């Protein structure tokens, strides 16, 4: 299944990692509220006149 939303992206992570990713998501939403959230390169991406911020969860880091 191709992931198309931030909520779908979170599903496969453990709760602690989900919390961290949600914190990053909320920070970016508050910092640049006019940016849109999409999935690019398989990870959440904030877009505003092009890619603004990519972030994602991995085995050993976020």
PDB file of N, CA and C in Angstrom:
ATOM      1  N   UNK A   1       0.843  -1.186   0.000  1.00  0.00           N
ATOM      2  CA  UNK A   1       0.000   0.000   0.000  1.00  0.00           C
ATOM      3  C   UNK A   1       0.894   1.256   0.000  1.00  0.00           C
ATOM      4  N   UNK A   2       0.618   2.165  -0.883  1.00  0.00           N
ATOM      5  CA  UNK A   2       1.359   3.421  -0.954  1.00  0.00           C
ATOM      6  C   UNK A   2       0.828   4.385   0.110  1.00  0.00           C
ATOM      7  N   UNK A   3       1.718   4.921   0.891  1.00  0.00           N
ATOM      8  CA  UNK A   3       1.361   5.870   1.945  1.00  0.00           C
ATOM      9  C   UNK A   3       1.141   7.241   1.318  1.00  0.00           C
ATOM     10  N   UNK A   4       0.000   7.861   1.640  1.00  0.00           N
ATOM     11  CA  UNK A   4      -0.317   9.159   1.057  1.00  0.00           C
ATOM     12  C   UNK A   4      -0.598  10.249   2.092  1.00  0.00           C
ATOM     13  N   UNK A   5      -0.699   9.871   3.393  1.00  0.00           N
ATOM     14  CA  UNK A   5      -0.985  10.869   4.428  1.00  0.00           C
ATOM     15  C   UNK A   5      -0.055  10.668   5.628  1.00  0.00           C
ATOM     16  N   UNK A   6       0.063  11.694   6.426  1.00  0.00           N
ATOM     17  CA  UNK A   6       0.878  11.620   7.643  1.00  0.00           C
ATOM     18  C   UNK A   6       0.335  10.553   8.581  1.00  0.00           C
ATOM     19  N   UNK A   7      -0.972  10.473   8.748  1.00  0.00           N
ATOM     20  CA  UNK A   7      -1.575   9.470   9.631  1.00  0.00           C
ATOM     21  C   UNK A   7      -1.242   8.052   9.177  1.00  0.00           C
ATOM     22  N   UNK A   8      -1.276   7.802   7.884  1.00  0.00           N
ATOM     23  CA  UNK A   8      -0.899   6.486   7.369  1.00  0.00           C
ATOM     24  C   UNK A   8       0.572   6.204   7.647  1.00  0.00           C
ATOM     25  N   UNK A   9       1.403   7.219   7.557  1.00  0.00           N
ATOM     26  CA  UNK A   9       2.832   7.071   7.800  1.00  0.00           C
ATOM     27  C   UNK A   9       3.101   6.618   9.240  1.00  0.00           C
ATOM     28  N   UNK A  10       2.345   7.136  10.190  1.00  0.00           N
ATOM     29  CA  UNK A  10       2.566   6.843  11.610  1.00  0.00           C
ATOM     30  C   UNK A  10       2.258   5.405  12.008  1.00  0.00           C
ATOM     31  N   UNK A  11       1.358   4.757  11.326  1.00  0.00           N
ATOM     32  CA  UNK A  11       0.804   3.472  11.750  1.00  0.00           C
ATOM     33  C   UNK A  11       1.855   2.422  12.102  1.00  0.00           C
ATOM     34  N   UNK A  12       2.919   2.319  11.376  1.00  0.00           N
ATOM     35  CA  UNK A  12       3.893   1.250  11.575  1.00  0.00           C
ATOM     36  C   UNK A  12       4.944   1.530  12.650  1.00  0.00           C
ATOM     37  N   UNK A  13       4.874   2.672  13.306  1.00  0.00           N
ATOM     38  CA  UNK A  13       5.868   3.016  14.317  1.00  0.00           C
ATOM     39  C   UNK A  13       5.368   2.706  15.721  1.00  0.00           C
ATOM     40  N   UNK A  14       6.321   2.452  16.609  1.00  0.00           N
ATOM     41  CA  UNK A  14       5.989   2.246  18.012  1.00  0.00           C
ATOM     42  C   UNK A  14       5.496   3.567  18.598  1.00  0.00           C
ATOM     43  N   UNK A  15       4.703   3.497  19.685  1.00  0.00           N
ATOM     44  CA  UNK A  15       4.106   4.713  20.261  1.00  0.00           C
ATOM     45  C   UNK A  15       5.108   5.822  20.578  1.00  0.00           C
ATOM     46  N   UNK A  16       6.293   5.464  21.088  1.00  0.00           N
ATOM     47  CA  UNK A  16       7.272   6.494  21.433  1.00  0.00           C
ATOM     48  C   UNK A  16       7.733   7.256  20.192  1.00  0.00           C
ATOM     49  N   UNK A  17       7.948   6.539  19.105  1.00  0.00           N
ATOM     50  CA  UNK A  17       8.373   7.172  17.853  1.00  0.00           C
ATOM     51  C   UNK A  17       7.226   7.989  17.271  1.00  0.00           C
ATOM     52  N   UNK A  18       6.006   7.464  17.364  1.00  0.00           N
ATOM     53  CA  UNK A  18       4.838   8.212  16.890  1.00  0.00           C
ATOM     54  C   UNK A  18       4.749   9.556  17.594  1.00  0.00           C
ATOM     55  N   UNK A  19       4.975   9.549  18.908  1.00  0.00           N
ATOM     56  CA  UNK A  19       4.909  10.801  19.676  1.00  0.00           C
ATOM     57  C   UNK A  19       5.927  11.814  19.160  1.00  0.00           C
ATOM     58  N   UNK A  20       7.145  11.373  18.909  1.00  0.00           N
ATOM     59  CA  UNK A  20       8.191  12.276  18.409  1.00  0.00           C
ATOM     60  C   UNK A  20       7.835  12.832  17.034  1.00  0.00           C
ATOM     61  N   UNK A  21       7.327  11.955  16.169  1.00  0.00           N
ATOM     62  CA  UNK A  21       6.952  12.397  14.825  1.00  0.00           C
ATOM     63  C   UNK A  21       5.782  13.381  14.882  1.00  0.00           C
ATOM     64  N   UNK A  22       4.843  13.124  15.765  1.00  0.00           N
ATOM     65  CA  UNK A  22       3.709  14.043  15.929  1.00  0.00           C
ATOM     66  C   UNK A  22       4.202  15.397  16.446  1.00  0.00           C
ATOM     67  N   UNK A  23       5.164  15.389  17.377  1.00  0.00           N
ATOM     68  CA  UNK A  23       5.730  16.646  17.868  1.00  0.00           C
ATOM     69  C   UNK A  23       6.370  17.443  16.730  1.00  0.00           C
ATOM     70  N   UNK A  24       7.129  16.772  15.877  1.00  0.00           N
ATOM     71  CA  UNK A  24       7.744  17.452  14.733  1.00  0.00           C
ATOM     72  C   UNK A  24       6.686  17.992  13.776  1.00  0.00           C
ATOM     73  N   UNK A  25       5.663  17.195  13.541  1.00  0.00           N
ATOM     74  CA  UNK A  25       4.563  17.599  12.664  1.00  0.00           C
ATOM     75  C   UNK A  25       3.881  18.848  13.218  1.00  0.00           C
ATOM     76  N   UNK A  26       3.553  18.826  14.512  1.00  0.00           N
ATOM     77  CA  UNK A  26       2.877  19.973  15.130  1.00  0.00           C
ATOM     78  C   UNK A  26       3.761  21.216  15.124  1.00  0.00           C
ATOM     79  N   UNK A  27       5.057  21.036  15.401  1.00  0.00           N
ATOM     80  CA  UNK A  27       5.984  22.171  15.369  1.00  0.00           C
ATOM     81  C   UNK A  27       5.975  22.830  13.997  1.00  0.00           C
ATOM     82  N   UNK A  28       6.103  22.013  12.962  1.00  0.00           N
ATOM     83  CA  UNK A  28       6.127  22.555  11.605  1.00  0.00           C
ATOM     84  C   UNK A  28       4.795  23.199  11.233  1.00  0.00           C
ATOM     85  N   UNK A  29       3.692  22.606  11.662  1.00  0.00           N
ATOM     86  CA  UNK A  29       2.368  23.196  11.394  1.00  0.00           C
ATOM     87  C   UNK A  29       2.249  24.571  12.034  1.00  0.00           C
ATOM     88  N   UNK A  30       2.774  24.711  13.245  1.00  0.00           N
ATOM     89  CA  UNK A  30       2.707  25.991  13.947  1.00  0.00           C
ATOM     90  C   UNK A  30       3.694  27.007  13.392  1.00  0.00           C
ATOM     91  N   UNK A  31       4.860  26.539  12.973  1.00  0.00           N
ATOM     92  CA  UNK A  31       5.910  27.426  12.483  1.00  0.00           C
ATOM     93  C   UNK A  31       5.586  27.972  11.096  1.00  0.00           C
ATOM     94  N   UNK A  32       5.012  27.126  10.239  1.00  0.00           N
ATOM     95  CA  UNK A  32       4.660  27.536   8.872  1.00  0.00           C
ATOM     96  C   UNK A  32       3.239  27.021   8.575  1.00  0.00           C
ATOM     97  N   UNK A  33       2.229  27.679   9.145  1.00  0.00           N
ATOM     98  CA  UNK A  33       0.858  27.176   9.007  1.00  0.00           C
ATOM     99  C   UNK A  33       0.340  27.153   7.569  1.00  0.00           C
ATOM    100  N   UNK A  34       0.915  27.946   6.686  1.00  0.00           N
ATOM    101  CA  UNK A  34       0.438  27.975   5.307  1.00  0.00           C
ATOM    102  C   UNK A  34       1.006  26.821   4.460  1.00  0.00           C
ATOM    103  N   UNK A  35       1.962  26.080   4.997  1.00  0.00           N
ATOM    104  CA  UNK A  35       2.553  24.955   4.259  1.00  0.00           C
ATOM    105  C   UNK A  35       1.580  23.771   4.224  1.00  0.00           C
ATOM    106  N   UNK A  36       1.628  23.029   3.155  1.00  0.00           N
ATOM    107  CA  UNK A  36       0.825  21.815   2.999  1.00  0.00           C
ATOM    108  C   UNK A  36       1.690  20.614   3.388  1.00  0.00           C
ATOM    109  N   UNK A  37       1.056  19.580   3.939  1.00  0.00           N
ATOM    110  CA  UNK A  37       1.765  18.355   4.294  1.00  0.00           C
ATOM    111  C   UNK A  37       1.439  17.289   3.258  1.00  0.00           C
ATOM    112  N   UNK A  38       2.482  16.654   2.750  1.00  0.00           N
ATOM    113  CA  UNK A  38       2.321  15.585   1.774  1.00  0.00           C
ATOM    114  C   UNK A  38       3.343  14.503   2.092  1.00  0.00           C
ATOM    115  N   UNK A  39       3.352  13.455   1.319  1.00  0.00           N
ATOM    116  CA  UNK A  39       4.370  12.419   1.438  1.00  0.00           C
ATOM    117  C   UNK A  39       5.215  12.469   0.168  1.00  0.00           C
ATOM    118  N   UNK A  40       6.494  12.789   0.329  1.00  0.00           N
ATOM    119  CA  UNK A  40       7.458  12.785  -0.776  1.00  0.00           C
ATOM    120  C   UNK A  40       8.617  11.899  -0.374  1.00  0.00           C
ATOM    121  N   UNK A  41       9.125  11.144  -1.301  1.00  0.00           N
ATOM    122  CA  UNK A  41      10.238  10.231  -1.019  1.00  0.00           C
ATOM    123  C   UNK A  41       9.891   9.253   0.099  1.00  0.00           C
ATOM    124  N   UNK A  42       8.601   8.999   0.297  1.00  0.00           N
ATOM    125  CA  UNK A  42       8.160   8.051   1.309  1.00  0.00           C
ATOM    126  C   UNK A  42       8.137   8.583   2.723  1.00  0.00           C
ATOM    127  N   UNK A  43       8.366   9.904   2.896  1.00  0.00           N
ATOM    128  CA  UNK A  43       8.367  10.500   4.228  1.00  0.00           C
ATOM    129  C   UNK A  43       7.535  11.779   4.228  1.00  0.00           C
ATOM    130  N   UNK A  44       7.042  12.206   5.405  1.00  0.00           N
ATOM    131  CA  UNK A  44       6.271  13.443   5.481  1.00  0.00           C
ATOM    132  C   UNK A  44       7.098  14.634   5.010  1.00  0.00           C
ATOM    133  N   UNK A  45       6.442  15.493   4.265  1.00  0.00           N
ATOM    134  CA  UNK A  45       7.106  16.660   3.698  1.00  0.00           C
ATOM    135  C   UNK A  45       6.172  17.860   3.781  1.00  0.00           C
ATOM    136  N   UNK A  46       6.697  18.950   4.287  1.00  0.00           N
ATOM    137  CA  UNK A  46       5.965  20.210   4.251  1.00  0.00           C
ATOM    138  C   UNK A  46       6.379  20.931   2.984  1.00  0.00           C
ATOM    139  N   UNK A  47       5.382  21.401   2.249  1.00  0.00           N
ATOM    140  CA  UNK A  47       5.613  22.027   0.948  1.00  0.00           C
ATOM    141  C   UNK A  47       5.060  23.443   0.965  1.00  0.00           C
ATOM    142  N   UNK A  48       5.887  24.388   0.528  1.00  0.00           N
ATOM    143  CA  UNK A  48       5.484  25.780   0.367  1.00  0.00           C
ATOM    144  C   UNK A  48       6.431  26.361  -0.672  1.00  0.00           C
ATOM    145  N   UNK A  49       5.933  26.566  -1.879  1.00  0.00           N
ATOM    146  CA  UNK A  49       6.796  26.995  -2.985  1.00  0.00           C
ATOM    147  C   UNK A  49       7.941  25.995  -3.199  1.00  0.00           C
ATOM    148  N   UNK A  50       7.645  24.722  -3.099  1.00  0.00           N
ATOM    149  CA  UNK A  50       8.641  23.655  -3.196  1.00  0.00           C
ATOM    150  C   UNK A  50       8.782  22.954  -1.854  1.00  0.00           C
ATOM    151  N   UNK A  51       9.628  21.945  -1.815  1.00  0.00           N
ATOM    152  CA  UNK A  51       9.849  21.210  -0.570  1.00  0.00           C
ATOM    153  C   UNK A  51      10.474  22.127   0.464  1.00  0.00           C
ATOM    154  N   UNK A  52       9.898  22.134   1.651  1.00  0.00           N
ATOM    155  CA  UNK A  52      10.367  22.999   2.732  1.00  0.00           C
ATOM    156  C   UNK A  52      11.083  22.180   3.810  1.00  0.00           C
ATOM    157  N   UNK A  53      10.416  21.131   4.299  1.00  0.00           N
ATOM    158  CA  UNK A  53      10.975  20.277   5.361  1.00  0.00           C
ATOM    159  C   UNK A  53      10.567  18.836   5.097  1.00  0.00           C
ATOM    160  N   UNK A  54      11.550  17.931   5.135  1.00  0.00           N
ATOM    161  CA  UNK A  54      11.298  16.495   5.118  1.00  0.00           C
ATOM    162  C   UNK A  54      11.654  15.972   6.508  1.00  0.00           C
ATOM    163  N   UNK A  55      10.891  15.003   7.018  1.00  0.00           N
ATOM    164  CA  UNK A  55      11.291  14.346   8.259  1.00  0.00           C
ATOM    165  C   UNK A  55      10.713  12.943   8.267  1.00  0.00           C
ATOM    166  N   UNK A  56      11.356  12.060   9.007  1.00  0.00           N
ATOM    167  CA  UNK A  56      10.872  10.695   9.027  1.00  0.00           C
ATOM    168  C   UNK A  56      11.471   9.901  10.169  1.00  0.00           C
ATOM    169  N   UNK A  57      10.864   8.764  10.425  1.00  0.00           N
ATOM    170  CA  UNK A  57      11.338   7.866  11.464  1.00  0.00           C
ATOM    171  C   UNK A  57      12.114   6.725  10.845  1.00  0.00           C
ATOM    172  N   UNK A  58      13.225   6.403  11.458  1.00  0.00           N
ATOM    173  CA  UNK A  58      14.066   5.302  11.009  1.00  0.00           C
ATOM    174  C   UNK A  58      14.439   4.453  12.219  1.00  0.00           C
ATOM    175  N   UNK A  59      15.084   3.339  11.987  1.00  0.00           N
ATOM    176  CA  UNK A  59      15.406   2.416  13.068  1.00  0.00           C
ATOM    177  C   UNK A  59      16.216   3.075  14.172  1.00  0.00           C
ATOM    178  N   UNK A  60      17.221   3.873  13.819  1.00  0.00           N
ATOM    179  CA  UNK A  60      18.131   4.437  14.812  1.00  0.00           C
ATOM    180  C   UNK A  60      18.074   5.948  14.965  1.00  0.00           C
ATOM    181  N   UNK A  61      17.185   6.596  14.247  1.00  0.00           N
ATOM    182  CA  UNK A  61      17.102   8.054  14.373  1.00  0.00           C
ATOM    183  C   UNK A  61      15.804   8.575  13.764  1.00  0.00           C
ATOM    184  N   UNK A  62      15.528   9.841  14.079  1.00  0.00           N
ATOM    185  CA  UNK A  62      14.384  10.535  13.472  1.00  0.00           C
ATOM    186  C   UNK A  62      14.938  11.722  12.728  1.00  0.00           C
TER     187      UNK A  62
END
